[in-house]
PDB file of N, CA and C in Angstrom:
ATOM      1  N   MET A   1     -16.758 -23.847 116.552  1.00  0.00           N
ATOM      2  CA  MET A   1     -17.113 -24.645 115.519  1.00  0.00           C
ATOM      3  C   MET A   1     -15.732 -25.716 115.380  1.00  0.00           C
ATOM      4  N   ALA A   2     -15.794 -26.609 115.054  1.00  0.00           N
ATOM      5  CA  ALA A   2     -14.630 -27.808 115.288  1.00  0.00           C
ATOM      6  C   ALA A   2     -14.084 -27.582 113.659  1.00  0.00           C
ATOM      7  N   LEU A   3     -13.180 -27.809 113.444  1.00  0.00           N
ATOM      8  CA  LEU A   3     -12.478 -28.142 111.678  1.00  0.00           C
ATOM      9  C   LEU A   3     -12.279 -29.526 111.497  1.00  0.00           C
ATOM     10  N   VAL A   4     -12.773 -30.097 110.604  1.00  0.00           N
ATOM     11  CA  VAL A   4     -13.136 -31.386 110.309  1.00  0.00           C
ATOM     12  C   VAL A   4     -12.272 -31.411 108.957  1.00  0.00           C
ATOM     13  N   ASN A   5     -11.240 -32.698 108.940  1.00  0.00           N
ATOM     14  CA  ASN A   5     -10.932 -32.655 107.151  1.00  0.00           C
ATOM     15  C   ASN A   5     -11.071 -34.298 107.242  1.00  0.00           C
ATOM     16  N   PRO A   6     -12.108 -34.874 106.070  1.00  0.00           N
ATOM     17  CA  PRO A   6     -12.537 -36.123 106.074  1.00  0.00           C
ATOM     18  C   PRO A   6     -11.701 -36.751 105.505  1.00  0.00           C
ATOM     19  N   ALA A   7     -11.247 -35.986 104.493  1.00  0.00           N
ATOM     20  CA  ALA A   7     -10.180 -36.787 103.536  1.00  0.00           C
ATOM     21  C   ALA A   7      -8.596 -37.240 104.144  1.00  0.00           C
ATOM     22  N   ILE A   8      -8.322 -38.656 104.082  1.00  0.00           N
ATOM     23  CA  ILE A   8      -6.936 -38.522 104.547  1.00  0.00           C
ATOM     24  C   ILE A   8      -6.151 -38.606 103.483  1.00  0.00           C
ATOM     25  N   VAL A   9      -5.090 -38.468 103.347  1.00  0.00           N
ATOM     26  CA  VAL A   9      -4.255 -38.628 102.080  1.00  0.00           C
ATOM     27  C   VAL A   9      -2.855 -39.230 102.326  1.00  0.00           C
ATOM     28  N   THR A  10      -2.648 -40.416 101.650  1.00  0.00           N
ATOM     29  CA  THR A  10      -1.369 -40.614 101.824  1.00  0.00           C
ATOM     30  C   THR A  10      -0.255 -40.488 100.878  1.00  0.00           C
ATOM     31  N   VAL A  11       0.998 -39.973 101.040  1.00  0.00           N
ATOM     32  CA  VAL A  11       2.363 -39.703  99.998  1.00  0.00           C
ATOM     33  C   VAL A  11       2.877 -40.739 100.203  1.00  0.00           C
ATOM     34  N   GLY A  12       3.222 -40.952  98.715  1.00  0.00           N
ATOM     35  CA  GLY A  12       3.931 -41.892  99.368  1.00  0.00           C
ATOM     36  C   GLY A  12       6.109 -41.552  98.471  1.00  0.00           C
ATOM     37  N   GLU A  13       7.133 -41.625  99.166  1.00  0.00           N
ATOM     38  CA  GLU A  13       8.329 -41.071  98.644  1.00  0.00           C
ATOM     39  C   GLU A  13       8.757 -41.996  97.662  1.00  0.00           C
ATOM     40  N   SER A  14       8.581 -41.378  96.441  1.00  0.00           N
ATOM     41  CA  SER A  14       9.680 -41.932  94.890  1.00  0.00           C
ATOM     42  C   SER A  14      10.995 -42.298  95.488  1.00  0.00           C
ATOM     43  N   THR A  15      11.279 -43.392  95.567  1.00  0.00           N
ATOM     44  CA  THR A  15      12.482 -44.050  95.791  1.00  0.00           C
ATOM     45  C   THR A  15      13.476 -44.614  94.362  1.00  0.00           C
ATOM     46  N   SER A  16      14.858 -44.970  94.451  1.00  0.00           N
ATOM     47  CA  SER A  16      15.685 -45.671  93.214  1.00  0.00           C
ATOM     48  C   SER A  16      16.054 -45.968  94.376  1.00  0.00           C
ATOM     49  N   GLY A  17      16.719 -47.425  93.213  1.00  0.00           N
ATOM     50  CA  GLY A  17      18.127 -48.466  93.716  1.00  0.00           C
ATOM     51  C   GLY A  17      19.028 -48.760  92.843  1.00  0.00           C
ATOM     52  N   THR A  18      18.559 -48.197  91.844  1.00  0.00           N
ATOM     53  CA  THR A  18      19.117 -47.786  90.655  1.00  0.00           C
ATOM     54  C   THR A  18      19.816 -47.017  89.781  1.00  0.00           C
ATOM     55  N   SER A  19      21.144 -46.888  89.596  1.00  0.00           N
ATOM     56  CA  SER A  19      21.819 -45.677  88.748  1.00  0.00           C
ATOM     57  C   SER A  19      22.446 -46.190  87.679  1.00  0.00           C
ATOM     58  N   THR A  20      21.972 -45.791  86.511  1.00  0.00           N
ATOM     59  CA  THR A  20      22.670 -46.146  85.141  1.00  0.00           C
ATOM     60  C   THR A  20      23.269 -45.224  84.915  1.00  0.00           C
ATOM     61  N   PRO A  21      24.650 -45.202  84.651  1.00  0.00           N
ATOM     62  CA  PRO A  21      25.642 -44.292  83.650  1.00  0.00           C
ATOM     63  C   PRO A  21      25.950 -44.552  82.723  1.00  0.00           C
ATOM     64  N   THR A  22      25.921 -43.573  81.476  1.00  0.00           N
ATOM     65  CA  THR A  22      25.893 -43.156  80.398  1.00  0.00           C
ATOM     66  C   THR A  22      27.094 -42.039  80.178  1.00  0.00           C
ATOM     67  N   THR A  23      27.699 -42.049  79.159  1.00  0.00           N
ATOM     68  CA  THR A  23      28.574 -40.795  78.606  1.00  0.00           C
ATOM     69  C   THR A  23      28.045 -40.604  77.628  1.00  0.00           C
ATOM     70  N   VAL A  24      27.664 -39.534  76.717  1.00  0.00           N
ATOM     71  CA  VAL A  24      27.061 -38.779  76.115  1.00  0.00           C
ATOM     72  C   VAL A  24      28.662 -37.648  75.236  1.00  0.00           C
ATOM     73  N   ALA A  25      28.712 -38.198  74.388  1.00  0.00           N
ATOM     74  CA  ALA A  25      30.248 -36.987  73.758  1.00  0.00           C
ATOM     75  C   ALA A  25      29.145 -36.286  73.172  1.00  0.00           C
ATOM     76  N   SER A  26      29.917 -35.003  73.279  1.00  0.00           N
ATOM     77  CA  SER A  26      30.008 -33.779  72.750  1.00  0.00           C
ATOM     78  C   SER A  26      29.590 -33.469  71.166  1.00  0.00           C
ATOM     79  N   SER A  27      28.797 -32.591  71.223  1.00  0.00           N
ATOM     80  CA  SER A  27      28.687 -32.340  69.448  1.00  0.00           C
ATOM     81  C   SER A  27      27.524 -30.656  68.945  1.00  0.00           C
ATOM     82  N   ALA A  28      28.250 -30.407  68.258  1.00  0.00           N
ATOM     83  CA  ALA A  28      27.579 -29.223  67.760  1.00  0.00           C
ATOM     84  C   ALA A  28      26.443 -29.443  67.016  1.00  0.00           C
ATOM     85  N   THR A  29      25.916 -30.434  67.131  1.00  0.00           N
ATOM     86  CA  THR A  29      24.469 -30.489  66.724  1.00  0.00           C
ATOM     87  C   THR A  29      23.234 -31.526  67.519  1.00  0.00           C
ATOM     88  N   SER A  30      22.065 -30.816  67.574  1.00  0.00           N
ATOM     89  CA  SER A  30      21.132 -31.550  68.634  1.00  0.00           C
ATOM     90  C   SER A  30      21.522 -33.087  68.830  1.00  0.00           C
ATOM     91  N   VAL A  31      21.727 -33.794  69.872  1.00  0.00           N
ATOM     92  CA  VAL A  31      21.745 -35.255  70.363  1.00  0.00           C
ATOM     93  C   VAL A  31      20.776 -35.244  71.460  1.00  0.00           C
ATOM     94  N   THR A  32      20.780 -36.673  71.582  1.00  0.00           N
ATOM     95  CA  THR A  32      19.808 -36.873  72.721  1.00  0.00           C
ATOM     96  C   THR A  32      20.891 -37.969  74.160  1.00  0.00           C
ATOM     97  N   ILE A  33      20.783 -36.874  75.026  1.00  0.00           N
ATOM     98  CA  ILE A  33      21.290 -37.070  76.456  1.00  0.00           C
ATOM     99  C   ILE A  33      20.177 -38.180  76.682  1.00  0.00           C
ATOM    100  N   LEU A  34      19.576 -38.542  77.178  1.00  0.00           N
ATOM    101  CA  LEU A  34      18.400 -39.516  77.579  1.00  0.00           C
ATOM    102  C   LEU A  34      17.004 -39.648  77.303  1.00  0.00           C
ATOM    103  N   ALA A  35      16.981 -40.581  76.649  1.00  0.00           N
ATOM    104  CA  ALA A  35      15.859 -41.461  75.521  1.00  0.00           C
ATOM    105  C   ALA A  35      14.722 -41.132  77.140  1.00  0.00           C
ATOM    106  N   ALA A  36      13.165 -41.086  76.127  1.00  0.00           N
ATOM    107  CA  ALA A  36      11.976 -40.923  77.310  1.00  0.00           C
ATOM    108  C   ALA A  36      11.888 -42.456  78.110  1.00  0.00           C
ATOM    109  N   ASN A  37      11.866 -42.249  79.551  1.00  0.00           N
ATOM    110  CA  ASN A  37      11.668 -43.358  80.057  1.00  0.00           C
ATOM    111  C   ASN A  37      10.710 -43.385  80.755  1.00  0.00           C
ATOM    112  N   SER A  38       9.348 -44.130  81.239  1.00  0.00           N
ATOM    113  CA  SER A  38       8.365 -44.100  81.828  1.00  0.00           C
ATOM    114  C   SER A  38       9.052 -44.958  83.716  1.00  0.00           C
ATOM    115  N   ASN A  39      10.091 -45.347  83.493  1.00  0.00           N
ATOM    116  CA  ASN A  39      10.824 -45.856  84.605  1.00  0.00           C
ATOM    117  C   ASN A  39      11.474 -44.621  85.184  1.00  0.00           C
ATOM    118  N   ARG A  40      11.987 -43.925  84.812  1.00  0.00           N
ATOM    119  CA  ARG A  40      13.055 -42.715  85.632  1.00  0.00           C
ATOM    120  C   ARG A  40      12.054 -42.314  87.041  1.00  0.00           C
ATOM    121  N   LYS A  41      13.341 -42.216  87.661  1.00  0.00           N
ATOM    122  CA  LYS A  41      12.779 -41.947  89.243  1.00  0.00           C
ATOM    123  C   LYS A  41      13.590 -40.527  88.699  1.00  0.00           C
ATOM    124  N   GLY A  42      14.927 -40.216  88.721  1.00  0.00           N
ATOM    125  CA  GLY A  42      15.341 -38.963  88.209  1.00  0.00           C
ATOM    126  C   GLY A  42      16.892 -38.892  87.957  1.00  0.00           C
ATOM    127  N   GLY A  43      17.502 -38.680  88.152  1.00  0.00           N
ATOM    128  CA  GLY A  43      18.753 -38.137  86.970  1.00  0.00           C
ATOM    129  C   GLY A  43      19.783 -37.423  87.734  1.00  0.00           C
ATOM    130  N   THR A  44      20.790 -37.434  86.731  1.00  0.00           N
ATOM    131  CA  THR A  44      21.833 -35.824  86.862  1.00  0.00           C
ATOM    132  C   THR A  44      22.684 -36.023  85.666  1.00  0.00           C
ATOM    133  N   ILE A  45      23.081 -34.732  85.047  1.00  0.00           N
ATOM    134  CA  ILE A  45      23.877 -34.709  84.132  1.00  0.00           C
ATOM    135  C   ILE A  45      24.959 -33.534  84.561  1.00  0.00           C
ATOM    136  N   TRP A  46      26.244 -33.990  84.129  1.00  0.00           N
ATOM    137  CA  TRP A  46      27.428 -33.209  84.538  1.00  0.00           C
ATOM    138  C   TRP A  46      27.689 -32.795  82.824  1.00  0.00           C
ATOM    139  N   ASN A  47      28.024 -31.376  83.068  1.00  0.00           N
ATOM    140  CA  ASN A  47      29.282 -31.094  81.755  1.00  0.00           C
ATOM    141  C   ASN A  47      30.664 -31.112  82.075  1.00  0.00           C
ATOM    142  N   ASP A  48      30.962 -32.060  81.246  1.00  0.00           N
ATOM    143  CA  ASP A  48      32.699 -32.791  81.398  1.00  0.00           C
ATOM    144  C   ASP A  48      32.839 -31.913  80.537  1.00  0.00           C
ATOM    145  N   SER A  49      33.011 -30.613  79.452  1.00  0.00           N
ATOM    146  CA  SER A  49      33.292 -30.115  78.809  1.00  0.00           C
ATOM    147  C   SER A  49      33.681 -28.696  79.064  1.00  0.00           C
ATOM    148  N   THR A  50      34.525 -27.939  78.074  1.00  0.00           N
ATOM    149  CA  THR A  50      34.899 -26.643  78.180  1.00  0.00           C
ATOM    150  C   THR A  50      34.077 -25.762  77.407  1.00  0.00           C
ATOM    151  N   ALA A  51      33.034 -26.465  77.590  1.00  0.00           N
ATOM    152  CA  ALA A  51      32.056 -25.927  76.197  1.00  0.00           C
ATOM    153  C   ALA A  51      30.630 -25.747  76.520  1.00  0.00           C
ATOM    154  N   THR A  52      29.361 -24.597  76.724  1.00  0.00           N
ATOM    155  CA  THR A  52      28.798 -24.482  76.941  1.00  0.00           C
ATOM    156  C   THR A  52      27.764 -25.977  76.889  1.00  0.00           C
ATOM    157  N   LEU A  53      26.488 -26.693  77.611  1.00  0.00           N
ATOM    158  CA  LEU A  53      25.606 -27.354  77.245  1.00  0.00           C
ATOM    159  C   LEU A  53      24.789 -26.636  77.580  1.00  0.00           C
ATOM    160  N   PHE A  54      23.612 -26.983  76.803  1.00  0.00           N
ATOM    161  CA  PHE A  54      22.565 -26.245  76.185  1.00  0.00           C
ATOM    162  C   PHE A  54      21.357 -27.625  76.644  1.00  0.00           C
ATOM    163  N   LEU A  55      20.261 -27.798  77.372  1.00  0.00           N
ATOM    164  CA  LEU A  55      19.720 -29.280  77.729  1.00  0.00           C
ATOM    165  C   LEU A  55      18.210 -28.699  77.097  1.00  0.00           C
ATOM    166  N   GLU A  56      17.365 -29.766  76.453  1.00  0.00           N
ATOM    167  CA  GLU A  56      16.147 -29.263  76.003  1.00  0.00           C
ATOM    168  C   GLU A  56      15.178 -30.312  76.379  1.00  0.00           C
ATOM    169  N   PHE A  57      13.886 -30.591  77.234  1.00  0.00           N
ATOM    170  CA  PHE A  57      13.389 -31.295  77.483  1.00  0.00           C
ATOM    171  C   PHE A  57      12.309 -31.603  76.305  1.00  0.00           C
ATOM    172  N   GLY A  58      12.756 -32.419  75.297  1.00  0.00           N
ATOM    173  CA  GLY A  58      12.061 -32.544  73.855  1.00  0.00           C
ATOM    174  C   GLY A  58      13.222 -33.192  73.279  1.00  0.00           C
ATOM    175  N   ALA A  59      12.603 -33.396  71.907  1.00  0.00           N
ATOM    176  CA  ALA A  59      13.820 -33.863  71.483  1.00  0.00           C
ATOM    177  C   ALA A  59      14.610 -32.988  70.699  1.00  0.00           C
ATOM    178  N   THR A  60      14.953 -31.581  70.399  1.00  0.00           N
ATOM    179  CA  THR A  60      15.594 -30.907  69.870  1.00  0.00           C
ATOM    180  C   THR A  60      16.144 -29.627  70.360  1.00  0.00           C
ATOM    181  N   ALA A  61      17.623 -29.742  70.679  1.00  0.00           N
ATOM    182  CA  ALA A  61      17.987 -28.669  71.405  1.00  0.00           C
ATOM    183  C   ALA A  61      18.617 -27.507  70.777  1.00  0.00           C
ATOM    184  N   THR A  62      18.748 -26.537  70.983  1.00  0.00           N
ATOM    185  CA  THR A  62      19.271 -25.484  70.282  1.00  0.00           C
ATOM    186  C   THR A  62      19.786 -24.316  71.317  1.00  0.00           C
ATOM    187  N   THR A  63      20.838 -23.351  70.803  1.00  0.00           N
ATOM    188  CA  THR A  63      21.158 -22.722  71.604  1.00  0.00           C
ATOM    189  C   THR A  63      20.647 -21.326  72.082  1.00  0.00           C
ATOM    190  N   SER A  64      19.309 -21.363  71.327  1.00  0.00           N
ATOM    191  CA  SER A  64      18.507 -19.951  71.716  1.00  0.00           C
ATOM    192  C   SER A  64      17.499 -20.858  72.049  1.00  0.00           C
ATOM    193  N   ALA A  65      16.650 -22.147  72.044  1.00  0.00           N
ATOM    194  CA  ALA A  65      15.647 -22.686  72.516  1.00  0.00           C
ATOM    195  C   ALA A  65      16.026 -24.022  73.638  1.00  0.00           C
ATOM    196  N   PHE A  66      16.167 -23.707  75.000  1.00  0.00           N
ATOM    197  CA  PHE A  66      16.484 -24.713  75.327  1.00  0.00           C
ATOM    198  C   PHE A  66      15.817 -24.648  77.124  1.00  0.00           C
ATOM    199  N   THR A  67      15.637 -25.791  77.829  1.00  0.00           N
ATOM    200  CA  THR A  67      15.660 -25.477  78.950  1.00  0.00           C
ATOM    201  C   THR A  67      16.258 -25.195  80.277  1.00  0.00           C
ATOM    202  N   ALA A  68      17.654 -25.336  79.929  1.00  0.00           N
ATOM    203  CA  ALA A  68      18.784 -25.103  80.914  1.00  0.00           C
ATOM    204  C   ALA A  68      20.040 -25.189  80.008  1.00  0.00           C
ATOM    205  N   LYS A  69      20.721 -24.311  80.947  1.00  0.00           N
ATOM    206  CA  LYS A  69      22.367 -23.819  80.228  1.00  0.00           C
ATOM    207  C   LYS A  69      23.243 -24.546  81.383  1.00  0.00           C
ATOM    208  N   LEU A  70      23.929 -25.493  80.812  1.00  0.00           N
ATOM    209  CA  LEU A  70      24.986 -25.570  81.972  1.00  0.00           C
ATOM    210  C   LEU A  70      26.436 -25.495  81.321  1.00  0.00           C
ATOM    211  N   TYR A  71      26.704 -24.447  81.952  1.00  0.00           N
ATOM    212  CA  TYR A  71      28.591 -24.187  81.726  1.00  0.00           C
ATOM    213  C   TYR A  71      29.733 -25.071  81.857  1.00  0.00           C
ATOM    214  N   ALA A  72      30.718 -24.586  81.799  1.00  0.00           N
ATOM    215  CA  ALA A  72      31.953 -25.879  81.434  1.00  0.00           C
ATOM    216  C   ALA A  72      32.032 -25.892  83.341  1.00  0.00           C
ATOM    217  N   GLY A  73      31.360 -27.600  83.366  1.00  0.00           N
ATOM    218  CA  GLY A  73      31.815 -28.279  84.575  1.00  0.00           C
ATOM    219  C   GLY A  73      30.506 -28.018  85.067  1.00  0.00           C
ATOM    220  N   GLY A  74      29.143 -27.296  84.668  1.00  0.00           N
ATOM    221  CA  GLY A  74      28.063 -27.584  85.214  1.00  0.00           C
ATOM    222  C   GLY A  74      27.310 -28.807  85.438  1.00  0.00           C
ATOM    223  N   TYR A  75      26.744 -29.067  86.590  1.00  0.00           N
ATOM    224  CA  TYR A  75      25.717 -30.353  86.994  1.00  0.00           C
ATOM    225  C   TYR A  75      23.917 -29.538  86.949  1.00  0.00           C
ATOM    226  N   TYR A  76      23.945 -30.684  86.834  1.00  0.00           N
ATOM    227  CA  TYR A  76      21.646 -30.818  86.841  1.00  0.00           C
ATOM    228  C   TYR A  76      21.298 -31.945  86.978  1.00  0.00           C
ATOM    229  N   GLU A  77      20.301 -31.469  87.771  1.00  0.00           N
ATOM    230  CA  GLU A  77      19.247 -32.646  88.734  1.00  0.00           C
ATOM    231  C   GLU A  77      18.097 -32.466  87.912  1.00  0.00           C
ATOM    232  N   ILE A  78      17.502 -33.678  87.049  1.00  0.00           N
ATOM    233  CA  ILE A  78      16.278 -33.760  86.280  1.00  0.00           C
ATOM    234  C   ILE A  78      15.199 -33.621  87.458  1.00  0.00           C
ATOM    235  N   PRO A  79      14.071 -32.909  87.043  1.00  0.00           N
ATOM    236  CA  PRO A  79      13.056 -32.923  87.913  1.00  0.00           C
ATOM    237  C   PRO A  79      12.244 -33.616  88.294  1.00  0.00           C
ATOM    238  N   PHE A  80      12.079 -33.570  89.555  1.00  0.00           N
ATOM    239  CA  PHE A  80      10.782 -34.638  90.181  1.00  0.00           C
ATOM    240  C   PHE A  80       9.954 -35.326  89.045  1.00  0.00           C
ATOM    241  N   HIS A  81       9.973 -36.616  88.415  1.00  0.00           N
ATOM    242  CA  HIS A  81       8.907 -37.358  87.338  1.00  0.00           C
ATOM    243  C   HIS A  81       9.009 -36.987  85.900  1.00  0.00           C
ATOM    244  N   TYR A  82      10.369 -36.079  86.068  1.00  0.00           N
ATOM    245  CA  TYR A  82      10.390 -35.889  84.187  1.00  0.00           C
ATOM    246  C   TYR A  82      10.659 -37.231  83.369  1.00  0.00           C
ATOM    247  N   THR A  83       9.917 -37.493  82.368  1.00  0.00           N
ATOM    248  CA  THR A  83      10.334 -38.630  81.932  1.00  0.00           C
ATOM    249  C   THR A  83      10.147 -38.884  81.026  1.00  0.00           C
ATOM    250  N   GLY A  84      10.612 -37.687  79.743  1.00  0.00           N
ATOM    251  CA  GLY A  84      10.440 -37.290  78.355  1.00  0.00           C
ATOM    252  C   GLY A  84      11.559 -37.490  78.042  1.00  0.00           C
ATOM    253  N   VAL A  85      12.389 -37.014  77.062  1.00  0.00           N
ATOM    254  CA  VAL A  85      13.413 -37.147  76.057  1.00  0.00           C
ATOM    255  C   VAL A  85      13.677 -35.794  77.164  1.00  0.00           C
ATOM    256  N   ILE A  86      15.709 -36.007  77.289  1.00  0.00           N
ATOM    257  CA  ILE A  86      16.570 -35.025  77.299  1.00  0.00           C
ATOM    258  C   ILE A  86      17.383 -34.931  75.939  1.00  0.00           C
ATOM    259  N   SER A  87      17.536 -33.721  75.007  1.00  0.00           N
ATOM    260  CA  SER A  87      18.435 -33.822  74.402  1.00  0.00           C
ATOM    261  C   SER A  87      19.268 -32.158  74.249  1.00  0.00           C
ATOM    262  N   GLY A  88      20.423 -32.371  73.884  1.00  0.00           N
ATOM    263  CA  GLY A  88      21.244 -31.277  74.349  1.00  0.00           C
ATOM    264  C   GLY A  88      22.475 -30.437  73.317  1.00  0.00           C
ATOM    265  N   ILE A  89      22.935 -30.236  73.082  1.00  0.00           N
ATOM    266  CA  ILE A  89      23.973 -29.183  72.146  1.00  0.00           C
ATOM    267  C   ILE A  89      24.838 -28.320  72.954  1.00  0.00           C
ATOM    268  N   TRP A  90      25.895 -28.512  72.599  1.00  0.00           N
ATOM    269  CA  TRP A  90      27.342 -27.530  72.967  1.00  0.00           C
ATOM    270  C   TRP A  90      27.723 -26.742  71.846  1.00  0.00           C
ATOM    271  N   SER A  91      28.095 -25.456  72.837  1.00  0.00           N
ATOM    272  CA  SER A  91      28.290 -24.423  71.922  1.00  0.00           C
ATOM    273  C   SER A  91      29.496 -25.053  70.900  1.00  0.00           C
ATOM    274  N   ALA A  92      30.133 -25.753  71.598  1.00  0.00           N
ATOM    275  CA  ALA A  92      32.068 -26.291  70.642  1.00  0.00           C
ATOM    276  C   ALA A  92      31.826 -27.896  71.196  1.00  0.00           C
ATOM    277  N   ALA A  93      31.976 -28.551  69.956  1.00  0.00           N
ATOM    278  CA  ALA A  93      32.227 -29.942  70.345  1.00  0.00           C
ATOM    279  C   ALA A  93      33.667 -30.698  71.295  1.00  0.00           C
ATOM    280  N   ASN A  94      33.385 -30.465  72.127  1.00  0.00           N
ATOM    281  CA  ASN A  94      34.836 -31.524  73.244  1.00  0.00           C
ATOM    282  C   ASN A  94      33.847 -31.612  74.241  1.00  0.00           C
ATOM    283  N   GLY A  95      35.163 -32.449  74.653  1.00  0.00           N
ATOM    284  CA  GLY A  95      34.246 -33.246  76.219  1.00  0.00           C
ATOM    285  C   GLY A  95      33.138 -34.304  75.957  1.00  0.00           C
ATOM    286  N   ASN A  96      32.210 -34.176  77.184  1.00  0.00           N
ATOM    287  CA  ASN A  96      31.253 -35.234  77.481  1.00  0.00           C
ATOM    288  C   ASN A  96      30.309 -34.639  78.014  1.00  0.00           C
ATOM    289  N   ALA A  97      28.766 -35.320  78.019  1.00  0.00           N
ATOM    290  CA  ALA A  97      27.915 -35.346  79.004  1.00  0.00           C
ATOM    291  C   ALA A  97      27.842 -36.896  79.993  1.00  0.00           C
ATOM    292  N   LEU A  98      28.036 -36.398  81.152  1.00  0.00           N
ATOM    293  CA  LEU A  98      27.978 -37.634  82.376  1.00  0.00           C
ATOM    294  C   LEU A  98      27.141 -37.733  82.758  1.00  0.00           C
ATOM    295  N   VAL A  99      26.122 -38.944  82.522  1.00  0.00           N
ATOM    296  CA  VAL A  99      24.373 -38.845  83.041  1.00  0.00           C
ATOM    297  C   VAL A  99      24.395 -39.908  83.940  1.00  0.00           C
ATOM    298  N   ARG A 100      23.320 -39.946  84.873  1.00  0.00           N
ATOM    299  CA  ARG A 100      23.091 -40.670  85.419  1.00  0.00           C
ATOM    300  C   ARG A 100      21.387 -41.111  85.663  1.00  0.00           C
ATOM    301  N   GLU A 101      20.736 -41.858  85.485  1.00  0.00           N
ATOM    302  CA  GLU A 101      19.419 -41.779  85.300  1.00  0.00           C
ATOM    303  C   GLU A 101      19.149 -43.396  86.473  1.00  0.00           C
ATOM    304  N   LEU A 102      18.168 -42.651  87.412  1.00  0.00           N
ATOM    305  CA  LEU A 102      17.656 -43.290  88.291  1.00  0.00           C
ATOM    306  C   LEU A 102      16.258 -44.058  88.066  1.00  0.00           C
ATOM    307  N   THR A 103      16.430 -45.187  88.218  1.00  0.00           N
ATOM    308  CA  THR A 103      15.273 -46.016  87.915  1.00  0.00           C
ATOM    309  C   THR A 103      14.669 -46.888  89.206  1.00  0.00           C
TER     310      THR A 103
END
């Protein structure tokens, strides 16, 4: 018996030609790292601080409820197709987050 697959699926690769750099000052209270952007295709966050950065996919990050924990010098790539707000809070206020948003 022959196997037949009547559906043809076309997969398009998401690409980006624009990188927008921003710097976010560290804070011991929750701050916005990236605003929601429906055009975002990806991004990176580098913790340029000696303190730990706690990232949250949502409006408010805390040191006990977070998506990712970046130690000093840590690097994070935003998951494929996440376009919502990203917030962050540091364990101590020193340094910055160096952010690149790909659109």
